[in-house]
Every structure is written in structure tokens, then in C-alpha cells.
Amino acid sequence: MKKKRRYLTATMPDGYVKTIGPTADNFTHYWRIVAELENGRTEVFWGHARSLAEARRKRAPAEEAARTRGWKSFVFEIAELVETSA
């Protein structure tokens, strides 16, 4: 049986909206790291996960990246994905 392709949207606390798709994967959460670099610039890293637990496991690598890459600070956020129309 063919999986249904759908669009998934996450709304972050700051109002940023991210839509992924079309996808047949069972993603449930979107995660984002906003890192402030030593030179004052900002880098954003993101991804999606198949569970809240999987998304939460991205925090430890973010903390390690902050140490090894010398980030001044970073914000790690998770938002639930909801099915939306194209």
C-alpha cells in the first residue's frame, strides 16, 4: 500500500513557521538550534524527528557543538509538526 504524501508544519515560539513536504515519513516534531557565534553572527541548524524523545536527544550533541565550536550561546527548541494543506 502506498503511503499518503502530506505537508507538515511547525510553528516556533518566536512565530517562525517551517513547512516540510510533501513527505510520506511519520515525522512528529521539528527541532531547531539557533547558535550565536563568537563573531556575533548567527547560525541555524534544524531537523525533524519521528518522536518527541528522538528530538530531545538532539540537545546533547548541541551542547557538545557549543563547546567544540566556541558558540557564545545557543537556543534549542522543539515544536510539534501538524499536517497542513499544500
N, C-alpha and C. Protein backbone atom coordinates (compact mmCIF):
# COMPACT_ATOMS: atom_id res chain seq x y z
N MET A 1 0.83 -1.18 0.00
CA MET A 1 0.00 0.00 0.00
C MET A 1 0.88 1.25 0.00
N LYS A 2 0.56 2.18 -0.85
CA LYS A 2 1.33 3.41 -0.97
C LYS A 2 0.99 4.37 0.18
N LYS A 3 2.06 4.96 0.76
CA LYS A 3 1.85 5.91 1.85
C LYS A 3 1.35 7.23 1.30
N LYS A 4 0.51 7.89 2.08
CA LYS A 4 -0.03 9.20 1.71
C LYS A 4 1.07 10.26 1.87
N ARG A 5 1.23 11.09 0.86
CA ARG A 5 2.19 12.18 0.94
C ARG A 5 1.46 13.40 1.51
N ARG A 6 2.12 14.05 2.46
CA ARG A 6 1.47 15.16 3.14
C ARG A 6 2.48 16.24 3.48
N TYR A 7 1.98 17.40 3.85
CA TYR A 7 2.81 18.52 4.29
C TYR A 7 2.70 18.62 5.81
N LEU A 8 3.81 18.93 6.45
CA LEU A 8 3.85 19.06 7.89
C LEU A 8 4.40 20.43 8.25
N THR A 9 3.75 21.10 9.21
CA THR A 9 4.14 22.45 9.57
C THR A 9 4.38 22.56 11.06
N ALA A 10 5.44 23.27 11.41
CA ALA A 10 5.76 23.57 12.81
C ALA A 10 5.79 25.08 12.97
N THR A 11 5.26 25.56 14.09
CA THR A 11 5.33 26.97 14.42
C THR A 11 6.17 27.11 15.68
N MET A 12 7.28 27.84 15.56
CA MET A 12 8.21 28.00 16.67
C MET A 12 7.71 29.10 17.62
N PRO A 13 8.22 29.12 18.85
CA PRO A 13 7.78 30.13 19.83
C PRO A 13 7.93 31.57 19.36
N ASP A 14 8.92 31.84 18.50
CA ASP A 14 9.12 33.21 18.02
C ASP A 14 8.26 33.54 16.80
N GLY A 15 7.38 32.60 16.39
CA GLY A 15 6.48 32.83 15.27
C GLY A 15 6.98 32.29 13.95
N TYR A 16 8.23 31.83 13.88
CA TYR A 16 8.76 31.26 12.65
C TYR A 16 7.97 30.00 12.29
N VAL A 17 7.59 29.88 11.03
CA VAL A 17 6.82 28.74 10.56
C VAL A 17 7.65 27.97 9.55
N LYS A 18 7.80 26.67 9.77
CA LYS A 18 8.57 25.79 8.88
C LYS A 18 7.64 24.71 8.36
N THR A 19 7.56 24.58 7.04
CA THR A 19 6.75 23.53 6.43
C THR A 19 7.69 22.60 5.67
N ILE A 20 7.49 21.30 5.87
CA ILE A 20 8.25 20.30 5.14
C ILE A 20 7.28 19.46 4.32
N GLY A 21 7.75 18.95 3.21
CA GLY A 21 6.91 18.08 2.42
C GLY A 21 6.94 18.46 0.95
N PRO A 22 6.28 17.67 0.15
CA PRO A 22 5.47 16.54 0.57
C PRO A 22 6.33 15.39 1.07
N THR A 23 5.84 14.71 2.09
CA THR A 23 6.56 13.58 2.67
C THR A 23 5.59 12.47 3.04
N ALA A 24 6.09 11.26 3.00
CA ALA A 24 5.31 10.11 3.45
C ALA A 24 5.84 9.63 4.80
N ASP A 25 6.93 10.27 5.28
CA ASP A 25 7.52 9.88 6.57
C ASP A 25 6.63 10.30 7.72
N ASN A 26 6.76 9.58 8.83
CA ASN A 26 5.93 9.84 10.01
C ASN A 26 6.64 10.77 11.00
N PHE A 27 7.06 11.95 10.53
CA PHE A 27 7.69 12.91 11.42
C PHE A 27 6.65 13.53 12.34
N THR A 28 7.01 13.73 13.59
CA THR A 28 6.07 14.33 14.56
C THR A 28 6.57 15.63 15.15
N HIS A 29 7.90 15.86 15.10
CA HIS A 29 8.46 17.06 15.72
C HIS A 29 9.57 17.67 14.87
N TYR A 30 9.71 18.96 14.99
CA TYR A 30 10.74 19.75 14.32
C TYR A 30 11.62 20.33 15.42
N TRP A 31 12.93 20.29 15.23
CA TRP A 31 13.84 20.88 16.21
C TRP A 31 14.71 21.91 15.52
N ARG A 32 15.14 22.90 16.31
CA ARG A 32 15.96 23.98 15.76
C ARG A 32 16.97 24.43 16.79
N ILE A 33 18.19 24.67 16.33
CA ILE A 33 19.24 25.25 17.16
C ILE A 33 19.62 26.59 16.53
N VAL A 34 19.52 27.66 17.32
CA VAL A 34 19.96 28.97 16.87
C VAL A 34 21.21 29.28 17.70
N ALA A 35 22.36 29.30 17.03
CA ALA A 35 23.64 29.47 17.71
C ALA A 35 24.19 30.87 17.46
N GLU A 36 24.63 31.52 18.53
CA GLU A 36 25.30 32.81 18.42
C GLU A 36 26.80 32.54 18.42
N LEU A 37 27.47 32.94 17.35
CA LEU A 37 28.89 32.70 17.21
C LEU A 37 29.71 33.78 17.89
N GLU A 38 30.98 33.51 18.12
CA GLU A 38 31.88 34.47 18.77
C GLU A 38 31.95 35.80 18.03
N ASN A 39 31.83 35.76 16.69
CA ASN A 39 31.92 36.98 15.89
C ASN A 39 30.60 37.75 15.81
N GLY A 40 29.59 37.29 16.58
CA GLY A 40 28.30 37.98 16.59
C GLY A 40 27.31 37.49 15.55
N ARG A 41 27.75 36.66 14.65
CA ARG A 41 26.84 36.12 13.63
C ARG A 41 26.00 35.00 14.24
N THR A 42 24.98 34.61 13.50
CA THR A 42 24.06 33.57 13.95
C THR A 42 24.02 32.46 12.91
N GLU A 43 24.02 31.22 13.39
CA GLU A 43 23.83 30.06 12.52
C GLU A 43 22.62 29.29 13.01
N VAL A 44 21.86 28.72 12.08
CA VAL A 44 20.68 27.94 12.43
C VAL A 44 20.85 26.52 11.90
N PHE A 45 20.57 25.57 12.75
CA PHE A 45 20.59 24.15 12.40
C PHE A 45 19.21 23.60 12.71
N TRP A 46 18.70 22.71 11.89
CA TRP A 46 17.36 22.20 12.13
C TRP A 46 17.21 20.78 11.58
N GLY A 47 16.13 20.16 12.00
CA GLY A 47 15.81 18.83 11.51
C GLY A 47 14.44 18.41 12.01
N HIS A 48 14.05 17.21 11.66
CA HIS A 48 12.76 16.68 12.11
C HIS A 48 12.97 15.28 12.65
N ALA A 49 12.04 14.86 13.49
CA ALA A 49 12.18 13.58 14.18
C ALA A 49 10.86 12.84 14.16
N ARG A 50 10.95 11.55 14.41
CA ARG A 50 9.74 10.70 14.42
C ARG A 50 9.10 10.58 15.79
N SER A 51 9.68 11.26 16.80
CA SER A 51 9.09 11.27 18.14
C SER A 51 9.66 12.44 18.93
N LEU A 52 8.98 12.81 19.99
CA LEU A 52 9.49 13.86 20.87
C LEU A 52 10.79 13.41 21.52
N ALA A 53 10.86 12.16 21.91
CA ALA A 53 12.07 11.63 22.54
C ALA A 53 13.26 11.72 21.59
N GLU A 54 13.05 11.38 20.32
CA GLU A 54 14.12 11.47 19.33
C GLU A 54 14.58 12.92 19.17
N ALA A 55 13.65 13.85 19.13
CA ALA A 55 14.00 15.27 19.00
C ALA A 55 14.78 15.74 20.23
N ARG A 56 14.37 15.32 21.41
CA ARG A 56 15.06 15.74 22.65
C ARG A 56 16.50 15.23 22.69
N ARG A 57 16.76 14.12 22.06
CA ARG A 57 18.13 13.57 22.05
C ARG A 57 19.10 14.43 21.25
N LYS A 58 18.61 15.40 20.50
CA LYS A 58 19.48 16.30 19.73
C LYS A 58 20.11 17.36 20.64
N ARG A 59 19.60 17.53 21.84
CA ARG A 59 20.13 18.58 22.73
C ARG A 59 21.57 18.28 23.18
N ALA A 60 21.87 17.06 23.54
CA ALA A 60 23.22 16.72 23.99
C ALA A 60 24.27 17.01 22.91
N PRO A 61 24.04 16.62 21.66
CA PRO A 61 25.01 16.98 20.63
C PRO A 61 25.12 18.51 20.43
N ALA A 62 24.02 19.22 20.66
CA ALA A 62 24.07 20.69 20.55
C ALA A 62 24.97 21.27 21.62
N GLU A 63 24.90 20.74 22.83
CA GLU A 63 25.75 21.21 23.92
C GLU A 63 27.22 20.93 23.60
N GLU A 64 27.49 19.77 23.04
CA GLU A 64 28.86 19.42 22.65
C GLU A 64 29.35 20.34 21.54
N ALA A 65 28.49 20.61 20.56
CA ALA A 65 28.85 21.52 19.46
C ALA A 65 29.15 22.92 19.99
N ALA A 66 28.39 23.37 20.97
CA ALA A 66 28.63 24.70 21.55
C ALA A 66 30.04 24.77 22.15
N ARG A 67 30.44 23.71 22.82
CA ARG A 67 31.78 23.69 23.42
C ARG A 67 32.88 23.60 22.36
N THR A 68 32.73 22.70 21.42
CA THR A 68 33.78 22.47 20.44
C THR A 68 33.88 23.58 19.40
N ARG A 69 32.76 24.20 19.08
CA ARG A 69 32.78 25.25 18.05
C ARG A 69 32.89 26.65 18.64
N GLY A 70 32.84 26.75 19.96
CA GLY A 70 33.02 28.05 20.59
C GLY A 70 31.84 28.99 20.45
N TRP A 71 30.62 28.45 20.44
CA TRP A 71 29.45 29.32 20.37
C TRP A 71 29.36 30.14 21.65
N LYS A 72 28.98 31.40 21.52
CA LYS A 72 28.73 32.23 22.71
C LYS A 72 27.52 31.68 23.47
N SER A 73 26.49 31.34 22.71
CA SER A 73 25.27 30.80 23.31
C SER A 73 24.47 30.10 22.21
N PHE A 74 23.46 29.37 22.63
CA PHE A 74 22.55 28.77 21.66
C PHE A 74 21.19 28.53 22.30
N VAL A 75 20.17 28.46 21.46
CA VAL A 75 18.81 28.15 21.89
C VAL A 75 18.40 26.88 21.16
N PHE A 76 17.92 25.91 21.91
CA PHE A 76 17.45 24.65 21.34
C PHE A 76 15.94 24.60 21.54
N GLU A 77 15.19 24.43 20.46
CA GLU A 77 13.73 24.44 20.53
C GLU A 77 13.15 23.25 19.78
N ILE A 78 12.01 22.81 20.26
CA ILE A 78 11.27 21.72 19.62
C ILE A 78 9.82 22.18 19.45
N ALA A 79 9.24 21.88 18.28
CA ALA A 79 7.83 22.17 18.05
C ALA A 79 7.18 20.95 17.41
N GLU A 80 5.93 20.75 17.74
CA GLU A 80 5.18 19.64 17.17
C GLU A 80 4.83 19.96 15.73
N LEU A 81 4.92 18.96 14.86
CA LEU A 81 4.51 19.10 13.47
C LEU A 81 3.03 18.74 13.34
N VAL A 82 2.31 19.53 12.57
CA VAL A 82 0.90 19.25 12.31
C VAL A 82 0.70 19.17 10.80
N GLU A 83 -0.21 18.31 10.39
CA GLU A 83 -0.47 18.14 8.97
C GLU A 83 -1.23 19.37 8.45
N THR A 84 -0.75 19.89 7.31
CA THR A 84 -1.37 21.07 6.70
C THR A 84 -1.56 20.82 5.22
N SER A 85 -2.33 21.68 4.60
CA SER A 85 -2.52 21.56 3.15
C SER A 85 -1.35 22.26 2.45
N ALA A 86 -1.12 21.91 1.21
CA ALA A 86 -0.01 22.49 0.44
C ALA A 86 -0.19 23.94 0.30
